[in-house]
mmCIF file of all heavy atoms, coordinates in Angstrom:
data_MODEL
# 
_entry.id   MODEL 
# 
loop_
_atom_site.group_PDB 
_atom_site.id 
_atom_site.type_symbol 
_atom_site.label_atom_id 
_atom_site.label_alt_id 
_atom_site.label_comp_id 
_atom_site.label_asym_id 
_atom_site.label_entity_id 
_atom_site.label_seq_id 
_atom_site.pdbx_PDB_ins_code 
_atom_site.Cartn_x 
_atom_site.Cartn_y 
_atom_site.Cartn_z 
_atom_site.occupancy 
_atom_site.B_iso_or_equiv 
_atom_site.pdbx_formal_charge 
_atom_site.auth_seq_id 
_atom_site.auth_comp_id 
_atom_site.auth_asym_id 
_atom_site.auth_atom_id 
_atom_site.pdbx_PDB_model_num 
ATOM 1   N N   . ALA A 1 1  ? -7.641  -5.128  6.103  1.00 0.00 ? 1  ALA A N   1 
ATOM 2   C CA  . ALA A 1 1  ? -9.075  -5.131  6.406  1.00 0.00 ? 1  ALA A CA  1 
ATOM 3   C C   . ALA A 1 1  ? -9.810  -3.992  5.820  1.00 0.00 ? 1  ALA A C   1 
ATOM 4   O O   . ALA A 1 1  ? -10.912 -4.155  5.327  1.00 0.00 ? 1  ALA A O   1 
ATOM 5   C CB  . ALA A 1 1  ? -9.241  -5.194  7.993  1.00 0.00 ? 1  ALA A CB  1 
ATOM 6   N N   . LEU A 1 2  ? -9.193  -2.837  5.835  1.00 0.00 ? 2  LEU A N   1 
ATOM 7   C CA  . LEU A 1 2  ? -9.783  -1.633  5.259  1.00 0.00 ? 2  LEU A CA  1 
ATOM 8   C C   . LEU A 1 2  ? -9.977  -1.883  3.738  1.00 0.00 ? 2  LEU A C   1 
ATOM 9   O O   . LEU A 1 2  ? -11.037 -1.550  3.208  1.00 0.00 ? 2  LEU A O   1 
ATOM 10  C CB  . LEU A 1 2  ? -8.881  -0.471  5.421  1.00 0.00 ? 2  LEU A CB  1 
ATOM 11  C CG  . LEU A 1 2  ? -9.303  0.859   4.807  1.00 0.00 ? 2  LEU A CG  1 
ATOM 12  C CD1 . LEU A 1 2  ? -10.572 1.373   5.440  1.00 0.00 ? 2  LEU A CD1 1 
ATOM 13  C CD2 . LEU A 1 2  ? -8.207  1.937   4.906  1.00 0.00 ? 2  LEU A CD2 1 
ATOM 14  N N   . ALA A 1 3  ? -9.003  -2.440  3.052  1.00 0.00 ? 3  ALA A N   1 
ATOM 15  C CA  . ALA A 1 3  ? -9.145  -2.720  1.605  1.00 0.00 ? 3  ALA A CA  1 
ATOM 16  C C   . ALA A 1 3  ? -10.276 -3.650  1.297  1.00 0.00 ? 3  ALA A C   1 
ATOM 17  O O   . ALA A 1 3  ? -11.092 -3.453  0.354  1.00 0.00 ? 3  ALA A O   1 
ATOM 18  C CB  . ALA A 1 3  ? -7.856  -3.265  1.111  1.00 0.00 ? 3  ALA A CB  1 
ATOM 19  N N   . LEU A 1 4  ? -10.448 -4.689  2.122  1.00 0.00 ? 4  LEU A N   1 
ATOM 20  C CA  . LEU A 1 4  ? -11.570 -5.717  1.986  1.00 0.00 ? 4  LEU A CA  1 
ATOM 21  C C   . LEU A 1 4  ? -12.840 -4.956  2.197  1.00 0.00 ? 4  LEU A C   1 
ATOM 22  O O   . LEU A 1 4  ? -13.829 -5.188  1.422  1.00 0.00 ? 4  LEU A O   1 
ATOM 23  C CB  . LEU A 1 4  ? -11.331 -6.774  2.988  1.00 0.00 ? 4  LEU A CB  1 
ATOM 24  C CG  . LEU A 1 4  ? -12.319 -7.972  2.787  1.00 0.00 ? 4  LEU A CG  1 
ATOM 25  C CD1 . LEU A 1 4  ? -12.218 -8.598  1.416  1.00 0.00 ? 4  LEU A CD1 1 
ATOM 26  C CD2 . LEU A 1 4  ? -12.014 -9.056  3.852  1.00 0.00 ? 4  LEU A CD2 1 
ATOM 27  N N   . ARG A 1 5  ? -12.967 -4.168  3.268  1.00 0.00 ? 5  ARG A N   1 
ATOM 28  C CA  . ARG A 1 5  ? -14.208 -3.424  3.515  1.00 0.00 ? 5  ARG A CA  1 
ATOM 29  C C   . ARG A 1 5  ? -14.594 -2.523  2.376  1.00 0.00 ? 5  ARG A C   1 
ATOM 30  O O   . ARG A 1 5  ? -15.749 -2.410  1.921  1.00 0.00 ? 5  ARG A O   1 
ATOM 31  C CB  . ARG A 1 5  ? -14.091 -2.631  4.827  1.00 0.00 ? 5  ARG A CB  1 
ATOM 32  C CG  . ARG A 1 5  ? -15.311 -1.880  5.195  1.00 0.00 ? 5  ARG A CG  1 
ATOM 33  C CD  . ARG A 1 5  ? -15.035 -1.218  6.555  1.00 0.00 ? 5  ARG A CD  1 
ATOM 34  N NE  . ARG A 1 5  ? -16.230 -0.374  6.816  1.00 0.00 ? 5  ARG A NE  1 
ATOM 35  C CZ  . ARG A 1 5  ? -16.232 0.451   7.788  1.00 0.00 ? 5  ARG A CZ  1 
ATOM 36  N NH1 . ARG A 1 5  ? -15.141 0.591   8.600  1.00 0.00 ? 5  ARG A NH1 1 
ATOM 37  N NH2 . ARG A 1 5  ? -17.292 1.253   8.032  1.00 0.00 ? 5  ARG A NH2 1 
ATOM 38  N N   . LEU A 1 6  ? -13.599 -1.726  1.896  1.00 0.00 ? 6  LEU A N   1 
ATOM 39  C CA  . LEU A 1 6  ? -13.831 -0.754  0.781  1.00 0.00 ? 6  LEU A CA  1 
ATOM 40  C C   . LEU A 1 6  ? -14.259 -1.405  -0.493 1.00 0.00 ? 6  LEU A C   1 
ATOM 41  O O   . LEU A 1 6  ? -15.017 -0.889  -1.258 1.00 0.00 ? 6  LEU A O   1 
ATOM 42  C CB  . LEU A 1 6  ? -12.616 0.126   0.672  1.00 0.00 ? 6  LEU A CB  1 
ATOM 43  C CG  . LEU A 1 6  ? -12.487 1.261   1.781  1.00 0.00 ? 6  LEU A CG  1 
ATOM 44  C CD1 . LEU A 1 6  ? -11.098 1.868   1.624  1.00 0.00 ? 6  LEU A CD1 1 
ATOM 45  C CD2 . LEU A 1 6  ? -13.593 2.269   1.612  1.00 0.00 ? 6  LEU A CD2 1 
ATOM 46  N N   . ARG A 1 7  ? -13.660 -2.593  -0.733 1.00 0.00 ? 7  ARG A N   1 
ATOM 47  C CA  . ARG A 1 7  ? -13.980 -3.315  -1.991 1.00 0.00 ? 7  ARG A CA  1 
ATOM 48  C C   . ARG A 1 7  ? -15.520 -3.578  -2.069 1.00 0.00 ? 7  ARG A C   1 
ATOM 49  O O   . ARG A 1 7  ? -16.055 -3.468  -3.127 1.00 0.00 ? 7  ARG A O   1 
ATOM 50  C CB  . ARG A 1 7  ? -13.214 -4.683  -1.998 1.00 0.00 ? 7  ARG A CB  1 
ATOM 51  C CG  . ARG A 1 7  ? -13.449 -5.461  -3.300 1.00 0.00 ? 7  ARG A CG  1 
ATOM 52  C CD  . ARG A 1 7  ? -12.684 -6.708  -3.298 1.00 0.00 ? 7  ARG A CD  1 
ATOM 53  N NE  . ARG A 1 7  ? -11.275 -6.275  -3.272 1.00 0.00 ? 7  ARG A NE  1 
ATOM 54  C CZ  . ARG A 1 7  ? -10.332 -6.765  -4.040 1.00 0.00 ? 7  ARG A CZ  1 
ATOM 55  N NH1 . ARG A 1 7  ? -10.643 -7.761  -4.902 1.00 0.00 ? 7  ARG A NH1 1 
ATOM 56  N NH2 . ARG A 1 7  ? -9.103  -6.388  -4.015 1.00 0.00 ? 7  ARG A NH2 1 
ATOM 57  N N   . GLY A 1 8  ? -16.079 -3.877  -0.883 1.00 0.00 ? 8  GLY A N   1 
ATOM 58  C CA  . GLY A 1 8  ? -17.560 -4.070  -0.813 1.00 0.00 ? 8  GLY A CA  1 
ATOM 59  C C   . GLY A 1 8  ? -18.314 -2.833  -1.104 1.00 0.00 ? 8  GLY A C   1 
ATOM 60  O O   . GLY A 1 8  ? -19.497 -2.862  -1.453 1.00 0.00 ? 8  GLY A O   1 
ATOM 61  N N   . ASP A 1 9  ? -17.626 -1.709  -0.974 1.00 0.00 ? 9  ASP A N   1 
ATOM 62  C CA  . ASP A 1 9  ? -18.285 -0.423  -1.230 1.00 0.00 ? 9  ASP A CA  1 
ATOM 63  C C   . ASP A 1 9  ? -17.843 0.194   -2.586 1.00 0.00 ? 9  ASP A C   1 
ATOM 64  O O   . ASP A 1 9  ? -18.073 1.366   -2.843 1.00 0.00 ? 9  ASP A O   1 
ATOM 65  C CB  . ASP A 1 9  ? -17.849 0.616   -0.132 1.00 0.00 ? 9  ASP A CB  1 
ATOM 66  C CG  . ASP A 1 9  ? -18.764 1.797   0.047  1.00 0.00 ? 9  ASP A CG  1 
ATOM 67  O OD1 . ASP A 1 9  ? -19.901 1.722   -0.376 1.00 0.00 ? 9  ASP A OD1 1 
ATOM 68  O OD2 . ASP A 1 9  ? -18.289 2.794   0.572  1.00 0.00 ? 9  ASP A OD2 1 
ATOM 69  N N   . GLY A 1 10 ? -17.207 -0.607  -3.405 1.00 0.00 ? 10 GLY A N   1 
ATOM 70  C CA  . GLY A 1 10 ? -16.864 -0.169  -4.778 1.00 0.00 ? 10 GLY A CA  1 
ATOM 71  C C   . GLY A 1 10 ? -15.629 0.637   -4.915 1.00 0.00 ? 10 GLY A C   1 
ATOM 72  O O   . GLY A 1 10 ? -15.368 1.263   -5.881 1.00 0.00 ? 10 GLY A O   1 
ATOM 73  N N   . VAL A 1 11 ? -14.788 0.646   -3.873 1.00 0.00 ? 11 VAL A N   1 
ATOM 74  C CA  . VAL A 1 11 ? -13.534 1.398   -3.887 1.00 0.00 ? 11 VAL A CA  1 
ATOM 75  C C   . VAL A 1 11 ? -12.306 0.415   -3.703 1.00 0.00 ? 11 VAL A C   1 
ATOM 76  O O   . VAL A 1 11 ? -12.320 -0.362  -2.744 1.00 0.00 ? 11 VAL A O   1 
ATOM 77  C CB  . VAL A 1 11 ? -13.456 2.420   -2.765 1.00 0.00 ? 11 VAL A CB  1 
ATOM 78  C CG1 . VAL A 1 11 ? -12.206 3.199   -2.713 1.00 0.00 ? 11 VAL A CG1 1 
ATOM 79  C CG2 . VAL A 1 11 ? -14.660 3.412   -2.905 1.00 0.00 ? 11 VAL A CG2 1 
ATOM 80  N N   . LEU A 1 12 ? -11.372 0.486   -4.543 1.00 0.00 ? 12 LEU A N   1 
ATOM 81  C CA  . LEU A 1 12 ? -10.194 -0.327  -4.473 1.00 0.00 ? 12 LEU A CA  1 
ATOM 82  C C   . LEU A 1 12 ? -8.943  0.467   -3.971 1.00 0.00 ? 12 LEU A C   1 
ATOM 83  O O   . LEU A 1 12 ? -8.659  1.469   -4.520 1.00 0.00 ? 12 LEU A O   1 
ATOM 84  C CB  . LEU A 1 12 ? -9.837  -0.999  -5.782 1.00 0.00 ? 12 LEU A CB  1 
ATOM 85  C CG  . LEU A 1 12 ? -10.928 -1.863  -6.391 1.00 0.00 ? 12 LEU A CG  1 
ATOM 86  C CD1 . LEU A 1 12 ? -10.520 -2.357  -7.787 1.00 0.00 ? 12 LEU A CD1 1 
ATOM 87  C CD2 . LEU A 1 12 ? -11.305 -3.010  -5.452 1.00 0.00 ? 12 LEU A CD2 1 
ATOM 88  N N   . ILE A 1 13 ? -8.399  -0.030  -2.851 1.00 0.00 ? 13 ILE A N   1 
ATOM 89  C CA  . ILE A 1 13 ? -7.046  0.468   -2.382 1.00 0.00 ? 13 ILE A CA  1 
ATOM 90  C C   . ILE A 1 13 ? -6.131  -0.720  -2.352 1.00 0.00 ? 13 ILE A C   1 
ATOM 91  O O   . ILE A 1 13 ? -6.593  -1.837  -2.289 1.00 0.00 ? 13 ILE A O   1 
ATOM 92  C CB  . ILE A 1 13 ? -7.200  1.256   -1.104 1.00 0.00 ? 13 ILE A CB  1 
ATOM 93  C CG1 . ILE A 1 13 ? -7.522  0.228   0.087  1.00 0.00 ? 13 ILE A CG1 1 
ATOM 94  C CG2 . ILE A 1 13 ? -8.190  2.377   -1.133 1.00 0.00 ? 13 ILE A CG2 1 
ATOM 95  C CD1 . ILE A 1 13 ? -7.356  0.775   1.469  1.00 0.00 ? 13 ILE A CD1 1 
ATOM 96  N N   . GLU A 1 14 ? -4.915  -0.419  -2.263 1.00 0.00 ? 14 GLU A N   1 
ATOM 97  C CA  . GLU A 1 14 ? -3.872  -1.496  -2.121 1.00 0.00 ? 14 GLU A CA  1 
ATOM 98  C C   . GLU A 1 14 ? -3.193  -1.441  -0.794 1.00 0.00 ? 14 GLU A C   1 
ATOM 99  O O   . GLU A 1 14 ? -2.557  -0.392  -0.525 1.00 0.00 ? 14 GLU A O   1 
ATOM 100 C CB  . GLU A 1 14 ? -2.863  -1.381  -3.365 1.00 0.00 ? 14 GLU A CB  1 
ATOM 101 C CG  . GLU A 1 14 ? -1.976  -2.536  -3.378 1.00 0.00 ? 14 GLU A CG  1 
ATOM 102 C CD  . GLU A 1 14 ? -1.126  -2.431  -4.683 1.00 0.00 ? 14 GLU A CD  1 
ATOM 103 O OE1 . GLU A 1 14 ? -1.064  -1.442  -5.308 1.00 0.00 ? 14 GLU A OE1 1 
ATOM 104 O OE2 . GLU A 1 14 ? -0.456  -3.448  -4.951 1.00 0.00 ? 14 GLU A OE2 1 
ATOM 105 N N   . ALA A 1 15 ? -3.434  -2.458  0.004  1.00 0.00 ? 15 ALA A N   1 
ATOM 106 C CA  . ALA A 1 15 ? -2.798  -2.431  1.368  1.00 0.00 ? 15 ALA A CA  1 
ATOM 107 C C   . ALA A 1 15 ? -1.285  -2.517  1.111  1.00 0.00 ? 15 ALA A C   1 
ATOM 108 O O   . ALA A 1 15 ? -0.748  -3.182  0.221  1.00 0.00 ? 15 ALA A O   1 
ATOM 109 C CB  . ALA A 1 15 ? -3.270  -3.645  2.167  1.00 0.00 ? 15 ALA A CB  1 
ATOM 110 N N   . GLY A 1 16 ? -0.521  -1.692  1.896  1.00 0.00 ? 16 GLY A N   1 
ATOM 111 C CA  . GLY A 1 16 ? 0.928   -1.541  1.677  1.00 0.00 ? 16 GLY A CA  1 
ATOM 112 C C   . GLY A 1 16 ? 1.813   -2.663  2.265  1.00 0.00 ? 16 GLY A C   1 
ATOM 113 O O   . GLY A 1 16 ? 2.954   -2.727  2.021  1.00 0.00 ? 16 GLY A O   1 
ATOM 114 N N   . LYS A 1 17 ? 1.226   -3.487  3.106  1.00 0.00 ? 17 LYS A N   1 
ATOM 115 C CA  . LYS A 1 17 ? 2.050   -4.488  3.807  1.00 0.00 ? 17 LYS A CA  1 
ATOM 116 C C   . LYS A 1 17 ? 2.980   -5.312  3.065  1.00 0.00 ? 17 LYS A C   1 
ATOM 117 O O   . LYS A 1 17 ? 4.129   -5.532  3.379  1.00 0.00 ? 17 LYS A O   1 
ATOM 118 C CB  . LYS A 1 17 ? 1.089   -5.427  4.602  1.00 0.00 ? 17 LYS A CB  1 
ATOM 119 C CG  . LYS A 1 17 ? 1.740   -6.376  5.511  1.00 0.00 ? 17 LYS A CG  1 
ATOM 120 C CD  . LYS A 1 17 ? 0.793   -7.215  6.259  1.00 0.00 ? 17 LYS A CD  1 
ATOM 121 C CE  . LYS A 1 17 ? 1.439   -8.194  7.178  1.00 0.00 ? 17 LYS A CE  1 
ATOM 122 N NZ  . LYS A 1 17 ? 0.384   -9.037  7.887  1.00 0.00 ? 17 LYS A NZ  1 
ATOM 123 N N   . SER A 1 18 ? 2.535   -5.703  1.801  1.00 0.00 ? 18 SER A N   1 
ATOM 124 C CA  . SER A 1 18 ? 3.369   -6.525  0.959  1.00 0.00 ? 18 SER A CA  1 
ATOM 125 C C   . SER A 1 18 ? 4.584   -5.751  0.353  1.00 0.00 ? 18 SER A C   1 
ATOM 126 O O   . SER A 1 18 ? 5.515   -6.359  -0.226 1.00 0.00 ? 18 SER A O   1 
ATOM 127 C CB  . SER A 1 18 ? 2.576   -7.125  -0.195 1.00 0.00 ? 18 SER A CB  1 
ATOM 128 O OG  . SER A 1 18 ? 2.017   -6.094  -1.021 1.00 0.00 ? 18 SER A OG  1 
ATOM 129 N N   . PHE A 1 19 ? 4.673   -4.423  0.533  1.00 0.00 ? 19 PHE A N   1 
ATOM 130 C CA  . PHE A 1 19 ? 5.734   -3.597  -0.016 1.00 0.00 ? 19 PHE A CA  1 
ATOM 131 C C   . PHE A 1 19 ? 6.853   -3.391  0.999  1.00 0.00 ? 19 PHE A C   1 
ATOM 132 O O   . PHE A 1 19 ? 7.831   -2.811  0.711  1.00 0.00 ? 19 PHE A O   1 
ATOM 133 C CB  . PHE A 1 19 ? 5.217   -2.307  -0.573 1.00 0.00 ? 19 PHE A CB  1 
ATOM 134 C CG  . PHE A 1 19 ? 4.320   -2.430  -1.724 1.00 0.00 ? 19 PHE A CG  1 
ATOM 135 C CD1 . PHE A 1 19 ? 2.927   -2.546  -1.520 1.00 0.00 ? 19 PHE A CD1 1 
ATOM 136 C CD2 . PHE A 1 19 ? 4.790   -2.461  -2.997 1.00 0.00 ? 19 PHE A CD2 1 
ATOM 137 C CE1 . PHE A 1 19 ? 2.080   -2.662  -2.631 1.00 0.00 ? 19 PHE A CE1 1 
ATOM 138 C CE2 . PHE A 1 19 ? 3.974   -2.612  -4.038 1.00 0.00 ? 19 PHE A CE2 1 
ATOM 139 C CZ  . PHE A 1 19 ? 2.637   -2.703  -3.926 1.00 0.00 ? 19 PHE A CZ  1 
ATOM 140 N N   . PHE A 1 20 ? 6.684   -3.921  2.241  1.00 0.00 ? 20 PHE A N   1 
ATOM 141 C CA  . PHE A 1 20 ? 7.588   -3.678  3.265  1.00 0.00 ? 20 PHE A CA  1 
ATOM 142 C C   . PHE A 1 20 ? 8.278   -4.972  3.719  1.00 0.00 ? 20 PHE A C   1 
ATOM 143 O O   . PHE A 1 20 ? 7.739   -6.062  3.479  1.00 0.00 ? 20 PHE A O   1 
ATOM 144 C CB  . PHE A 1 20 ? 6.930   -3.030  4.482  1.00 0.00 ? 20 PHE A CB  1 
ATOM 145 C CG  . PHE A 1 20 ? 6.492   -1.656  4.279  1.00 0.00 ? 20 PHE A CG  1 
ATOM 146 C CD1 . PHE A 1 20 ? 5.199   -1.348  3.762  1.00 0.00 ? 20 PHE A CD1 1 
ATOM 147 C CD2 . PHE A 1 20 ? 7.236   -0.579  4.585  1.00 0.00 ? 20 PHE A CD2 1 
ATOM 148 C CE1 . PHE A 1 20 ? 4.758   -0.060  3.508  1.00 0.00 ? 20 PHE A CE1 1 
ATOM 149 C CE2 . PHE A 1 20 ? 6.902   0.721   4.338  1.00 0.00 ? 20 PHE A CE2 1 
ATOM 150 C CZ  . PHE A 1 20 ? 5.641   0.996   3.755  1.00 0.00 ? 20 PHE A CZ  1 
ATOM 151 N N   . ASP A 1 21 ? 9.385   -4.929  4.303  1.00 0.00 ? 21 ASP A N   1 
ATOM 152 C CA  . ASP A 1 21 ? 10.093  -6.088  4.842  1.00 0.00 ? 21 ASP A CA  1 
ATOM 153 C C   . ASP A 1 21 ? 9.201   -6.811  5.894  1.00 0.00 ? 21 ASP A C   1 
ATOM 154 O O   . ASP A 1 21 ? 8.705   -6.134  6.831  1.00 0.00 ? 21 ASP A O   1 
ATOM 155 C CB  . ASP A 1 21 ? 11.403  -5.514  5.618  1.00 0.00 ? 21 ASP A CB  1 
ATOM 156 C CG  . ASP A 1 21 ? 12.240  -6.611  6.210  1.00 0.00 ? 21 ASP A CG  1 
ATOM 157 O OD1 . ASP A 1 21 ? 11.811  -7.815  6.246  1.00 0.00 ? 21 ASP A OD1 1 
ATOM 158 O OD2 . ASP A 1 21 ? 13.347  -6.284  6.701  1.00 0.00 ? 21 ASP A OD2 1 
ATOM 159 N N   . PRO A 1 22 ? 8.979   -8.083  5.707  1.00 0.00 ? 22 PRO A N   1 
ATOM 160 C CA  . PRO A 1 22 ? 8.115   -8.854  6.580  1.00 0.00 ? 22 PRO A CA  1 
ATOM 161 C C   . PRO A 1 22 ? 8.602   -8.827  8.031  1.00 0.00 ? 22 PRO A C   1 
ATOM 162 O O   . PRO A 1 22 ? 7.835   -8.917  8.991  1.00 0.00 ? 22 PRO A O   1 
ATOM 163 C CB  . PRO A 1 22 ? 8.139   -10.274 6.059  1.00 0.00 ? 22 PRO A CB  1 
ATOM 164 C CG  . PRO A 1 22 ? 8.579   -10.129 4.610  1.00 0.00 ? 22 PRO A CG  1 
ATOM 165 C CD  . PRO A 1 22 ? 9.439   -8.947  4.605  1.00 0.00 ? 22 PRO A CD  1 
ATOM 166 N N   . ALA A 1 23 ? 9.926   -8.597  8.259  1.00 0.00 ? 23 ALA A N   1 
ATOM 167 C CA  . ALA A 1 23 ? 10.464  -8.513  9.620  1.00 0.00 ? 23 ALA A CA  1 
ATOM 168 C C   . ALA A 1 23 ? 10.127  -7.211  10.319 1.00 0.00 ? 23 ALA A C   1 
ATOM 169 O O   . ALA A 1 23 ? 10.146  -7.072  11.534 1.00 0.00 ? 23 ALA A O   1 
ATOM 170 C CB  . ALA A 1 23 ? 11.927  -8.758  9.613  1.00 0.00 ? 23 ALA A CB  1 
ATOM 171 N N   . ARG A 1 24 ? 9.691   -6.229  9.492  1.00 0.00 ? 24 ARG A N   1 
ATOM 172 C CA  . ARG A 1 24 ? 9.297   -4.933  10.019 1.00 0.00 ? 24 ARG A CA  1 
ATOM 173 C C   . ARG A 1 24 ? 7.972   -4.482  9.385  1.00 0.00 ? 24 ARG A C   1 
ATOM 174 O O   . ARG A 1 24 ? 7.892   -3.553  8.596  1.00 0.00 ? 24 ARG A O   1 
ATOM 175 C CB  . ARG A 1 24 ? 10.378  -3.888  9.693  1.00 0.00 ? 24 ARG A CB  1 
ATOM 176 C CG  . ARG A 1 24 ? 11.737  -4.265  10.413 1.00 0.00 ? 24 ARG A CG  1 
ATOM 177 C CD  . ARG A 1 24 ? 12.839  -3.307  10.034 1.00 0.00 ? 24 ARG A CD  1 
ATOM 178 N NE  . ARG A 1 24 ? 12.438  -1.866  10.067 1.00 0.00 ? 24 ARG A NE  1 
ATOM 179 C CZ  . ARG A 1 24 ? 13.067  -0.932  9.456  1.00 0.00 ? 24 ARG A CZ  1 
ATOM 180 N NH1 . ARG A 1 24 ? 14.165  -1.216  8.857  1.00 0.00 ? 24 ARG A NH1 1 
ATOM 181 N NH2 . ARG A 1 24 ? 12.664  0.318   9.501  1.00 0.00 ? 24 ARG A NH2 1 
ATOM 182 N N   . PRO A 1 25 ? 6.851   -5.123  9.772  1.00 0.00 ? 25 PRO A N   1 
ATOM 183 C CA  . PRO A 1 25 ? 5.621   -4.871  9.110  1.00 0.00 ? 25 PRO A CA  1 
ATOM 184 C C   . PRO A 1 25 ? 5.099   -3.449  9.306  1.00 0.00 ? 25 PRO A C   1 
ATOM 185 O O   . PRO A 1 25 ? 5.305   -2.858  10.360 1.00 0.00 ? 25 PRO A O   1 
ATOM 186 C CB  . PRO A 1 25 ? 4.627   -5.910  9.789  1.00 0.00 ? 25 PRO A CB  1 
ATOM 187 C CG  . PRO A 1 25 ? 5.301   -6.377  10.961 1.00 0.00 ? 25 PRO A CG  1 
ATOM 188 C CD  . PRO A 1 25 ? 6.773   -6.159  10.842 1.00 0.00 ? 25 PRO A CD  1 
ATOM 189 N N   . GLN A 1 26 ? 4.525   -2.932  8.216  1.00 0.00 ? 26 GLN A N   1 
ATOM 190 C CA  . GLN A 1 26 ? 3.988   -1.602  8.243  1.00 0.00 ? 26 GLN A CA  1 
ATOM 191 C C   . GLN A 1 26 ? 2.532   -1.655  7.814  1.00 0.00 ? 26 GLN A C   1 
ATOM 192 O O   . GLN A 1 26 ? 2.239   -1.337  6.666  1.00 0.00 ? 26 GLN A O   1 
ATOM 193 C CB  . GLN A 1 26 ? 4.833   -0.763  7.299  1.00 0.00 ? 26 GLN A CB  1 
ATOM 194 C CG  . GLN A 1 26 ? 6.273   -0.570  7.684  1.00 0.00 ? 26 GLN A CG  1 
ATOM 195 C CD  . GLN A 1 26 ? 6.526   0.250   8.890  1.00 0.00 ? 26 GLN A CD  1 
ATOM 196 O OE1 . GLN A 1 26 ? 5.821   1.277   9.111  1.00 0.00 ? 26 GLN A OE1 1 
ATOM 197 N NE2 . GLN A 1 26 ? 7.465   -0.176  9.666  1.00 0.00 ? 26 GLN A NE2 1 
# 
């Protein structure tokens, strides 16, 4: 959600969720 909000403000970040084991979300 933070990444989506910041995109509208011209800042790109990459949410880390996809880099972690889905069974142990971070």
